Amino acid sequence: MAWTLGAGAAWLLAAWSPGAAADETLWHQLRSGSQVLLIRHTVTTPGVGDPPGFALADCATQRNLTEIGRDDATRIGESLRKRNVPVGQVLSSPWCRCLETARLAFGRAEPWAALGNLFGGQGAAGPQVRAMRERVAAHRAKENLVLVSHGSTAAALTGVHPAPGEILVLTPLGKDGFRVAGRIPLGAL
């Protein structure tokens, strides 16, 4: 009897786990293209925000990726390529940790101010969120659009606060905005 309960419990956990069928549907959606991948930068040196007096043009004044963060960024790109996810334009916050995450994952990144950090009121939340919302809603390319940003910025746009390296999959809806189609935690890559 204990074996049957144990086997049943194991089956239920496997069926319910984050790696179950719902994730395969999300991966299929990504392989089909026309989605937006909003990725929070990977793991940085300890702390929150940036040191007082930081400068965007000087990475030495900012919190930057750790070796683990660099490895995780590389793993994101490798996993998406392995799963045949088409990637078009890659836009990034101008912060060094986001640019490095994007470049390690995809080999390229275009800085876009709208993706800048909103932590602690650093940015202009209203105009930035409007610009991001319009860009996501209007995405129509066959390839997926990639946006690499910060947890605070992702939360302002979607209401979801992703973990470092987590991917939020957004489905553009044109004039109706977008919907959050799902989440891919770093551990699922």
Protein backbone atom coordinates (compact mmCIF):
# COMPACT_ATOMS: atom_id res chain seq x y z
CA MET A 1 0.00 0.00 0.00
CA ALA A 2 2.80 2.45 0.85
CA TRP A 3 4.42 1.75 -2.53
CA THR A 4 1.19 2.53 -4.38
CA LEU A 5 0.73 5.78 -2.50
CA GLY A 6 4.37 6.69 -3.13
CA ALA A 7 4.09 5.92 -6.84
CA GLY A 8 0.81 7.83 -7.06
CA ALA A 9 2.27 10.81 -5.27
CA ALA A 10 5.33 10.76 -7.54
CA TRP A 11 3.10 10.65 -10.63
CA LEU A 12 0.98 13.55 -9.34
CA LEU A 13 4.09 15.64 -8.60
CA ALA A 14 5.51 14.92 -12.06
CA ALA A 15 2.22 15.84 -13.74
CA TRP A 16 1.89 19.02 -11.70
CA SER A 17 5.54 20.12 -11.84
CA PRO A 18 6.60 23.28 -13.69
CA GLY A 19 8.18 21.13 -16.41
CA ALA A 20 4.88 19.47 -17.39
CA ALA A 21 2.72 19.87 -20.52
CA ALA A 22 1.92 23.56 -20.07
CA ASP A 23 5.60 24.37 -20.54
CA GLU A 24 5.76 22.38 -23.79
CA THR A 25 2.87 24.48 -25.08
CA LEU A 26 4.83 27.62 -24.20
CA TRP A 27 7.97 26.29 -25.93
CA HIS A 28 5.87 25.52 -29.03
CA GLN A 29 4.58 29.10 -28.97
CA LEU A 30 8.18 30.39 -28.82
CA ARG A 31 9.29 28.15 -31.70
CA SER A 32 6.40 29.55 -33.74
CA GLY A 33 7.73 33.09 -33.22
CA SER A 34 6.05 36.49 -32.95
CA GLN A 35 6.34 36.51 -29.14
CA VAL A 36 8.26 38.87 -26.86
CA LEU A 37 10.75 37.41 -24.38
CA LEU A 38 11.20 39.76 -21.43
CA ILE A 39 14.30 38.55 -19.58
CA ARG A 40 15.54 39.83 -16.25
CA HIS A 41 19.34 40.12 -16.17
CA THR A 42 21.11 37.20 -14.53
CA VAL A 43 22.79 37.10 -11.08
CA THR A 44 24.86 40.12 -10.04
CA THR A 45 27.16 41.03 -7.20
CA PRO A 46 25.20 41.30 -3.92
CA GLY A 47 23.07 44.33 -3.24
CA VAL A 48 20.10 46.20 -4.64
CA GLY A 49 20.11 49.14 -6.99
CA ASP A 50 23.45 50.68 -7.80
CA PRO A 51 26.05 52.45 -5.68
CA PRO A 52 25.58 56.20 -5.20
CA GLY A 53 27.12 58.15 -8.06
CA PHE A 54 27.08 55.25 -10.54
CA ALA A 55 27.44 56.13 -14.22
CA LEU A 56 25.85 54.23 -17.10
CA ALA A 57 28.96 54.79 -19.20
CA ASP A 58 31.22 53.23 -16.54
CA CYS A 59 30.51 49.58 -15.72
CA ALA A 60 32.99 49.73 -12.81
CA THR A 61 30.52 51.98 -10.94
CA GLN A 62 27.58 49.57 -11.26
CA ARG A 63 26.54 46.18 -9.89
CA ASN A 64 27.65 43.67 -12.50
CA LEU A 65 27.20 39.99 -13.32
CA THR A 66 29.01 37.38 -11.29
CA GLU A 67 30.63 34.35 -12.93
CA ILE A 68 27.45 32.43 -12.15
CA GLY A 69 25.45 35.20 -13.82
CA ARG A 70 27.67 35.02 -16.91
CA ASP A 71 27.29 31.23 -17.07
CA ASP A 72 23.50 31.58 -16.68
CA ALA A 73 23.30 34.16 -19.48
CA THR A 74 25.22 31.84 -21.79
CA ARG A 75 22.91 28.97 -20.80
CA ILE A 76 19.81 31.04 -21.72
CA GLY A 77 21.09 31.55 -25.25
CA GLU A 78 22.19 27.93 -25.64
CA SER A 79 18.84 26.63 -24.43
CA LEU A 80 16.85 28.84 -26.79
CA ARG A 81 19.05 27.85 -29.75
CA LYS A 82 18.80 24.15 -28.83
CA ARG A 83 14.99 24.47 -28.77
CA ASN A 84 14.99 26.26 -32.16
CA VAL A 85 13.48 29.48 -30.82
CA PRO A 86 13.86 32.16 -33.53
CA VAL A 87 15.33 35.39 -32.15
CA GLY A 88 15.12 38.67 -34.01
CA GLN A 89 15.89 42.03 -32.48
CA VAL A 90 17.52 42.08 -29.02
CA LEU A 91 16.93 45.26 -27.02
CA SER A 92 18.48 45.86 -23.61
CA SER A 93 18.47 48.27 -20.73
CA PRO A 94 21.58 50.46 -21.01
CA TRP A 95 22.82 49.13 -17.63
CA CYS A 96 25.94 46.99 -18.01
CA ARG A 97 24.45 43.90 -16.32
CA CYS A 98 21.60 43.81 -18.84
CA LEU A 99 23.82 44.48 -21.86
CA GLU A 100 26.21 41.74 -20.74
CA THR A 101 23.34 39.28 -20.18
CA ALA A 102 22.00 39.98 -23.68
CA ARG A 103 25.40 39.80 -25.38
CA LEU A 104 26.37 36.55 -23.68
CA ALA A 105 23.00 34.97 -24.50
CA PHE A 106 22.48 36.31 -28.03
CA GLY A 107 25.79 37.79 -29.18
CA ARG A 108 24.28 41.22 -29.60
CA ALA A 109 22.21 43.92 -27.91
CA GLU A 110 20.87 47.35 -28.77
CA PRO A 111 20.51 49.66 -25.75
CA TRP A 112 17.00 51.05 -25.32
CA ALA A 113 16.41 53.64 -22.60
CA ALA A 114 12.80 52.53 -22.04
CA LEU A 115 14.14 49.28 -20.52
CA GLY A 116 16.21 51.22 -17.94
CA ASN A 117 16.07 50.42 -14.25
CA LEU A 118 13.03 51.74 -12.39
CA PHE A 119 14.30 50.63 -8.97
CA GLY A 120 14.06 53.39 -6.38
CA GLY A 121 12.55 55.88 -8.81
CA GLN A 122 15.66 55.99 -11.01
CA GLY A 123 13.68 56.16 -14.24
CA ALA A 124 10.56 57.81 -15.59
CA ALA A 125 8.07 55.01 -14.93
CA GLY A 126 5.07 56.40 -16.82
CA PRO A 127 6.84 57.21 -20.11
CA GLN A 128 9.01 54.08 -19.95
CA VAL A 129 6.09 51.73 -19.35
CA ARG A 130 4.08 53.39 -22.14
CA ALA A 131 6.99 52.99 -24.58
CA MET A 132 7.51 49.33 -23.60
CA ARG A 133 3.79 48.55 -23.75
CA GLU A 134 3.49 50.08 -27.24
CA ARG A 135 6.57 48.22 -28.51
CA VAL A 136 5.41 44.86 -27.14
CA ALA A 137 1.83 45.30 -28.40
CA ALA A 138 3.02 46.27 -31.89
CA HIS A 139 5.49 43.37 -32.35
CA ARG A 140 4.59 41.55 -35.56
CA ALA A 141 7.87 40.05 -36.82
CA LYS A 142 8.12 36.30 -37.45
CA GLU A 143 11.04 36.08 -35.03
CA ASN A 144 10.66 36.67 -31.32
CA LEU A 145 11.63 40.05 -29.91
CA VAL A 146 13.95 39.91 -26.88
CA LEU A 147 13.92 42.57 -24.16
CA VAL A 148 16.54 42.33 -21.38
CA SER A 149 15.84 44.48 -18.36
CA HIS A 150 15.50 44.65 -14.57
CA GLY A 151 13.06 43.08 -12.12
CA SER A 152 11.56 46.45 -11.22
CA THR A 153 11.03 47.35 -14.87
CA ALA A 154 9.48 43.98 -15.74
CA ALA A 155 7.16 44.31 -12.73
CA ALA A 156 6.07 47.81 -13.77
CA LEU A 157 5.21 46.53 -17.26
CA THR A 158 3.63 43.16 -16.42
CA GLY A 159 2.82 43.04 -12.71
CA VAL A 160 5.18 40.03 -12.45
CA HIS A 161 8.52 40.29 -10.64
CA PRO A 162 10.79 37.74 -12.34
CA ALA A 163 13.79 36.08 -10.71
CA PRO A 164 17.26 36.71 -12.17
CA GLY A 165 17.48 35.07 -15.60
CA GLU A 166 13.75 34.28 -15.71
CA ILE A 167 11.96 34.72 -19.03
CA LEU A 168 8.46 36.20 -19.20
CA VAL A 169 6.76 35.29 -22.49
CA LEU A 170 4.48 38.07 -23.72
CA THR A 171 1.98 37.64 -26.54
CA PRO A 172 1.37 40.88 -28.47
CA LEU A 173 -2.31 41.76 -28.96
CA GLY A 174 -2.01 44.90 -31.10
CA LYS A 175 -4.21 47.74 -29.90
CA ASP A 176 -5.30 45.56 -26.97
CA GLY A 177 -1.77 45.49 -25.53
CA PHE A 178 -0.38 42.08 -24.64
CA ARG A 179 -0.87 39.18 -22.29
CA VAL A 180 1.64 37.29 -20.19
CA ALA A 181 1.57 33.86 -21.85
CA GLY A 182 3.87 32.24 -19.29
CA ARG A 183 7.10 32.17 -17.37
CA ILE A 184 10.26 30.17 -17.89
CA PRO A 185 12.43 30.08 -14.77
CA LEU A 186 16.16 29.73 -15.24
CA GLY A 187 16.01 26.27 -13.68
CA ALA A 188 13.73 25.05 -16.49
CA LEU A 189 16.31 25.81 -19.18
